[in-house]
Amino acid sequence: MAGKMKNCSSCGKVFISINNARICVDCREKEEQWEKQIVEYVRDHPKSQIPEIVEATGVQEPVIRRMIREGRFVSSDVDLNFPCERCGTPIQKGQYCDKCQKEMRDELTAAAAAKKGPSSARSGGDDAASGRRGYVTLGNK
């Protein structure tokens, strides 16, 4: 199966995206070089802050933050943390810490249950009793 034509989100060049890649091969190689530079710097300078890494490597801060969110440094045994976007707790990948993820999941589940309650009362609950949950019946066929 051939890939789709896309514009590279980094340089804007048109390329054929394989496996839903967002950047072209050239930019991916450049990012891999940056990743190696960052890993080497952090290994030599443990507990480095992002501004120090930016100054030492020349890699832009948003790129470093995105790489951390993507979990690119987890397997390299480098202790590189990023604050949770909700509470500020240091995390090594993603946007939210485990605690905030659980809280948001619980809030969403509770909101969905609250919304589901009145709608099932309106429909009379016949679909749940007949085992046809999730299906829509159109007309009398």
C-alpha atoms as a PDB file:
ATOM      1  CA  MET A   1       0.000   0.000   0.000  1.00  0.00           C
ATOM      2  CA  ALA A   2       1.442   3.356  -1.047  1.00  0.00           C
ATOM      3  CA  GLY A   3       1.662   6.263   1.355  1.00  0.00           C
ATOM      4  CA  LYS A   4      -0.184   9.569   1.181  1.00  0.00           C
ATOM      5  CA  MET A   5       1.369  12.776  -0.039  1.00  0.00           C
ATOM      6  CA  LYS A   6       1.787  15.272   2.794  1.00  0.00           C
ATOM      7  CA  ASN A   7       3.671  18.414   3.643  1.00  0.00           C
ATOM      8  CA  CYS A   8       6.406  17.941   6.237  1.00  0.00           C
ATOM      9  CA  SER A   9       5.279  19.612   9.463  1.00  0.00           C
ATOM     10  CA  SER A  10       8.861  20.686  10.094  1.00  0.00           C
ATOM     11  CA  CYS A  11      10.180  22.035   6.773  1.00  0.00           C
ATOM     12  CA  GLY A  12       7.039  22.161   4.607  1.00  0.00           C
ATOM     13  CA  LYS A  13       8.478  19.938   1.853  1.00  0.00           C
ATOM     14  CA  VAL A  14       6.061  17.582   0.077  1.00  0.00           C
ATOM     15  CA  PHE A  15       6.814  13.916   0.804  1.00  0.00           C
ATOM     16  CA  ILE A  16       5.130  10.528   0.741  1.00  0.00           C
ATOM     17  CA  SER A  17       4.044   9.623   4.249  1.00  0.00           C
ATOM     18  CA  ILE A  18       4.585   5.998   5.182  1.00  0.00           C
ATOM     19  CA  ASN A  19       2.957   4.785   8.431  1.00  0.00           C
ATOM     20  CA  ASN A  20       1.322   8.200   8.887  1.00  0.00           C
ATOM     21  CA  ALA A  21       4.675   9.980   9.380  1.00  0.00           C
ATOM     22  CA  ARG A  22       4.358  13.719  10.007  1.00  0.00           C
ATOM     23  CA  ILE A  23       7.877  14.678   8.896  1.00  0.00           C
ATOM     24  CA  CYS A  24      10.009  13.887   5.847  1.00  0.00           C
ATOM     25  CA  VAL A  25      13.036  11.579   5.866  1.00  0.00           C
ATOM     26  CA  ASP A  26      15.508  14.493   5.933  1.00  0.00           C
ATOM     27  CA  CYS A  27      13.856  16.076   8.976  1.00  0.00           C
ATOM     28  CA  ARG A  28      13.572  12.692  10.702  1.00  0.00           C
ATOM     29  CA  GLU A  29      17.343  12.194  10.270  1.00  0.00           C
ATOM     30  CA  LYS A  30      17.952  15.695  11.623  1.00  0.00           C
ATOM     31  CA  GLU A  31      15.734  14.959  14.659  1.00  0.00           C
ATOM     32  CA  GLU A  32      17.591  11.704  15.292  1.00  0.00           C
ATOM     33  CA  GLN A  33      20.879  13.649  15.317  1.00  0.00           C
ATOM     34  CA  TRP A  34      19.373  16.181  17.738  1.00  0.00           C
ATOM     35  CA  GLU A  35      18.143  13.338  19.925  1.00  0.00           C
ATOM     36  CA  LYS A  36      21.685  11.875  20.076  1.00  0.00           C
ATOM     37  CA  GLN A  37      23.123  15.300  20.947  1.00  0.00           C
ATOM     38  CA  ILE A  38      20.578  15.785  23.731  1.00  0.00           C
ATOM     39  CA  VAL A  39      21.180  12.291  25.154  1.00  0.00           C
ATOM     40  CA  GLU A  40      24.966  12.817  25.141  1.00  0.00           C
ATOM     41  CA  TYR A  41      24.648  16.223  26.827  1.00  0.00           C
ATOM     42  CA  VAL A  42      22.256  14.998  29.520  1.00  0.00           C
ATOM     43  CA  ARG A  43      24.427  11.950  30.245  1.00  0.00           C
ATOM     44  CA  ASP A  44      27.420  14.266  30.730  1.00  0.00           C
ATOM     45  CA  HIS A  45      25.340  16.834  32.662  1.00  0.00           C
ATOM     46  CA  PRO A  46      22.691  15.021  34.731  1.00  0.00           C
ATOM     47  CA  LYS A  47      19.781  17.045  36.121  1.00  0.00           C
ATOM     48  CA  SER A  48      20.088  19.582  33.286  1.00  0.00           C
ATOM     49  CA  GLN A  49      17.170  21.923  32.767  1.00  0.00           C
ATOM     50  CA  ILE A  50      15.652  22.449  29.311  1.00  0.00           C
ATOM     51  CA  PRO A  51      17.083  25.992  28.875  1.00  0.00           C
ATOM     52  CA  GLU A  52      20.590  24.615  29.538  1.00  0.00           C
ATOM     53  CA  ILE A  53      20.055  21.850  26.970  1.00  0.00           C
ATOM     54  CA  VAL A  54      18.813  24.400  24.419  1.00  0.00           C
ATOM     55  CA  GLU A  55      21.885  26.561  24.950  1.00  0.00           C
ATOM     56  CA  ALA A  56      24.324  23.642  24.770  1.00  0.00           C
ATOM     57  CA  THR A  57      22.816  21.757  21.810  1.00  0.00           C
ATOM     58  CA  GLY A  58      21.140  24.488  19.797  1.00  0.00           C
ATOM     59  CA  VAL A  59      17.943  22.433  19.572  1.00  0.00           C
ATOM     60  CA  GLN A  60      14.853  24.606  20.009  1.00  0.00           C
ATOM     61  CA  GLU A  61      12.857  24.246  23.225  1.00  0.00           C
ATOM     62  CA  PRO A  62       9.543  23.241  21.566  1.00  0.00           C
ATOM     63  CA  VAL A  63      11.363  20.418  19.750  1.00  0.00           C
ATOM     64  CA  ILE A  64      12.899  19.148  23.004  1.00  0.00           C
ATOM     65  CA  ARG A  65       9.531  19.349  24.787  1.00  0.00           C
ATOM     66  CA  ARG A  66       7.819  17.431  21.963  1.00  0.00           C
ATOM     67  CA  MET A  67      10.532  14.754  22.039  1.00  0.00           C
ATOM     68  CA  ILE A  68      10.044  14.361  25.797  1.00  0.00           C
ATOM     69  CA  ARG A  69       6.235  14.147  25.387  1.00  0.00           C
ATOM     70  CA  GLU A  70       6.722  11.468  22.716  1.00  0.00           C
ATOM     71  CA  GLY A  71       8.842   9.465  25.185  1.00  0.00           C
ATOM     72  CA  ARG A  72      11.917   9.525  22.950  1.00  0.00           C
ATOM     73  CA  PHE A  73      14.367   9.578  25.883  1.00  0.00           C
ATOM     74  CA  VAL A  74      12.771   6.919  28.099  1.00  0.00           C
ATOM     75  CA  SER A  75      14.640   3.975  26.541  1.00  0.00           C
ATOM     76  CA  SER A  76      17.994   5.798  26.520  1.00  0.00           C
ATOM     77  CA  ASP A  77      18.370   5.761  30.334  1.00  0.00           C
ATOM     78  CA  VAL A  78      18.442   9.559  30.418  1.00  0.00           C
ATOM     79  CA  ASP A  79      16.636  11.278  33.280  1.00  0.00           C
ATOM     80  CA  LEU A  80      14.905  14.031  31.336  1.00  0.00           C
ATOM     81  CA  ASN A  81      11.648  15.303  32.808  1.00  0.00           C
ATOM     82  CA  PHE A  82       8.873  17.606  31.689  1.00  0.00           C
ATOM     83  CA  PRO A  83       6.142  19.116  33.884  1.00  0.00           C
ATOM     84  CA  CYS A  84       2.631  17.638  33.790  1.00  0.00           C
ATOM     85  CA  GLU A  85       0.416  20.143  31.970  1.00  0.00           C
ATOM     86  CA  ARG A  86      -2.186  19.957  34.722  1.00  0.00           C
ATOM     87  CA  CYS A  87      -0.307  19.870  38.047  1.00  0.00           C
ATOM     88  CA  GLY A  88       3.374  20.420  37.192  1.00  0.00           C
ATOM     89  CA  THR A  89       4.654  17.078  38.522  1.00  0.00           C
ATOM     90  CA  PRO A  90       7.771  15.959  36.603  1.00  0.00           C
ATOM     91  CA  ILE A  91       7.000  13.248  34.029  1.00  0.00           C
ATOM     92  CA  GLN A  92       9.102  11.475  31.403  1.00  0.00           C
ATOM     93  CA  LYS A  93       6.541  11.141  28.619  1.00  0.00           C
ATOM     94  CA  GLY A  94       3.064  12.234  27.604  1.00  0.00           C
ATOM     95  CA  GLN A  95       1.260  15.376  28.690  1.00  0.00           C
ATOM     96  CA  TYR A  96      -0.157  14.362  32.066  1.00  0.00           C
ATOM     97  CA  CYS A  97       1.118  12.416  35.093  1.00  0.00           C
ATOM     98  CA  ASP A  98      -0.553   9.125  36.070  1.00  0.00           C
ATOM     99  CA  LYS A  99      -2.491  10.775  38.904  1.00  0.00           C
ATOM    100  CA  CYS A 100      -3.959  13.482  36.628  1.00  0.00           C
ATOM    101  CA  GLN A 101      -4.749  10.912  33.926  1.00  0.00           C
ATOM    102  CA  LYS A 102      -6.706   8.865  36.470  1.00  0.00           C
ATOM    103  CA  GLU A 103      -8.535  11.943  37.794  1.00  0.00           C
ATOM    104  CA  MET A 104      -9.483  13.071  34.278  1.00  0.00           C
ATOM    105  CA  ARG A 105     -10.585   9.547  33.324  1.00  0.00           C
ATOM    106  CA  ASP A 106     -12.760   9.358  36.459  1.00  0.00           C
ATOM    107  CA  GLU A 107     -14.261  12.807  35.735  1.00  0.00           C
ATOM    108  CA  LEU A 108     -15.018  11.795  32.165  1.00  0.00           C
ATOM    109  CA  THR A 109     -16.558   8.499  33.254  1.00  0.00           C
ATOM    110  CA  ALA A 110     -18.726  10.286  35.825  1.00  0.00           C
ATOM    111  CA  ALA A 111     -19.821  12.890  33.261  1.00  0.00           C
ATOM    112  CA  ALA A 112     -20.667  10.180  30.734  1.00  0.00           C
ATOM    113  CA  ALA A 113     -22.656   8.239  33.339  1.00  0.00           C
ATOM    114  CA  ALA A 114     -24.550  11.388  34.361  1.00  0.00           C
ATOM    115  CA  LYS A 115     -25.381  12.155  30.746  1.00  0.00           C
ATOM    116  CA  LYS A 116     -26.356   8.558  30.000  1.00  0.00           C
ATOM    117  CA  GLY A 117     -28.803   8.368  32.926  1.00  0.00           C
ATOM    118  CA  PRO A 118     -31.513  10.763  31.651  1.00  0.00           C
ATOM    119  CA  SER A 119     -31.250   9.579  28.031  1.00  0.00           C
ATOM    120  CA  SER A 120     -31.919   5.944  28.950  1.00  0.00           C
ATOM    121  CA  ALA A 121     -35.011   7.040  30.892  1.00  0.00           C
ATOM    122  CA  ARG A 122     -36.303   8.837  27.774  1.00  0.00           C
ATOM    123  CA  SER A 123     -35.899   5.832  25.513  1.00  0.00           C
ATOM    124  CA  GLY A 124     -37.652   3.545  27.964  1.00  0.00           C
ATOM    125  CA  GLY A 125     -34.675   1.176  28.175  1.00  0.00           C
ATOM    126  CA  ASP A 126     -36.148  -1.247  25.612  1.00  0.00           C
ATOM    127  CA  ASP A 127     -32.895  -1.468  23.644  1.00  0.00           C
ATOM    128  CA  ALA A 128     -30.886  -2.563  26.700  1.00  0.00           C
ATOM    129  CA  ALA A 129     -33.452  -5.251  27.563  1.00  0.00           C
ATOM    130  CA  SER A 130     -33.536  -6.617  24.009  1.00  0.00           C
ATOM    131  CA  GLY A 131     -29.743  -6.757  23.718  1.00  0.00           C
ATOM    132  CA  ARG A 132     -29.598  -4.237  20.864  1.00  0.00           C
ATOM    133  CA  ARG A 133     -27.388  -1.687  22.576  1.00  0.00           C
ATOM    134  CA  GLY A 134     -25.476   0.583  20.247  1.00  0.00           C
ATOM    135  CA  TYR A 135     -27.531  -0.136  17.136  1.00  0.00           C
ATOM    136  CA  VAL A 136     -29.818   2.278  15.336  1.00  0.00           C
ATOM    137  CA  THR A 137     -32.941   0.939  13.635  1.00  0.00           C
ATOM    138  CA  LEU A 138     -34.150   2.949  10.635  1.00  0.00           C
ATOM    139  CA  GLY A 139     -37.833   2.677   9.783  1.00  0.00           C
ATOM    140  CA  ASN A 140     -39.959  -0.493   9.822  1.00  0.00           C
ATOM    141  CA  LYS A 141     -38.096  -3.126   7.823  1.00  0.00           C
END
